[in-house]
Amino acid sequence: MSIRVSIIVLVALTGVAAGEPIPAKARDLAQQGRAFHDKGDYARAIAAFKEAYVIAPSPALLFNLAQAYRLQGNCDDAALMYRRYIGTYPSQDGRMLAEGHLATVDRCISKRSMNIPMDNTAAYLNVTAPPKDLGIVDDPVEPHAGRLKKRVGMGLAIGGGAALVAATYFGVRAHNAAQEVEALSARGAKAKDIQAVDERGQNSAAYAKVLGVTGAVAATTGIALYVLGVRDERATAFAIAPTKTGGEVSYAWQF
C-alpha cells in the first residue's frame, strides 16, 4: 500500500530564531502550501512553500518542497531538495525517510537518462515510507544554532580581546617596574624601596601572563565559533529553487 507522508506546517517554520515570533505571512503561506498539497495541486504548493522559505528558512520546508516535487513527478528537483534537507543534519528518522525517497527519485532520474519509459511517474514516486511513518518530521536541531554560535563566539572574542588589552597594560607595568628597579639600584636606593618596586613588577608580570593566556584562548575560541556560526547560518539562509532553465537563488535576511 502506498503511503503519502504528511508534510509539515508548524514544525516547518523552525528556521526562525528561538524566541522570535514566526512571521504571520510565512505561517499563512505554509498553511496554504499544505492545503494545496492535500488537494494534489503540487505546483501551487511548491510556490507557497518557496515563498514561505524565503521569509522563514527551515530544513522542514526543504522537506516539504522535496515531497511536493516528488509527488508532482519532478525527479530532478525532488532529488535536489531531499539532498539539501539531508544536508541540514535532521533527526535520524527524518534522514532515513528523506534518504528512502531520495533513492526512489534517483532511480527515476536514472531510468529517464536511459530512456526507459514510465507509465505513471507520479504513482511510481508515491512510494511506501520506511517502517516508521513519521507523519511530521521532528527536527531536533535548535532553531538557528548558527546564530547562537555567532553570538557566543562574538562574546568570547570581545572578552578575550579585553583580557589581552589588560594583559598588555600589566605587561607594560612590569617592564616599567623592571627599569625602575635598575635605576634605583644604580642610584644606590634603599633595599626596601627597591623591593617594593620589584614586587609590584612581579605581580604585574603574573597578571599579564594569566590574562594573556586566558585572553588568547577566549579570543581564538570565539573567532572559531563565530566562523562556524556564519557557516551554519548560510546553510539555511539560502533558498535554491530549480527552474527549467537553471536555478533561482534567494536569500532571507535575518534581523
Foldseek 3Di string as FASTA:
>chain_A
DFDQFAADQVQQQLQAAPPDDQPPQLSVLSVVLRVCVVVLNLVSSLVSLLVSCLARFGLSSLQSNLSSCLLVLNLVQNLVSLVLSVVLVFDPLSVQQSVVLNVQSVVVVVCVVVVNDDPDRNVSSSHHTPPDRPSYGDGPDRHLVLVVLQVQLVVLQVQLVVLQVLLVVLQVLLVVLVVVLVVCVVVVHDPVVSVVSNVSSVVSNVSSVVSNVSSVVSNVSSVVSNVVSVVSSVSRQWDWAADPVGIDIHGHDDD
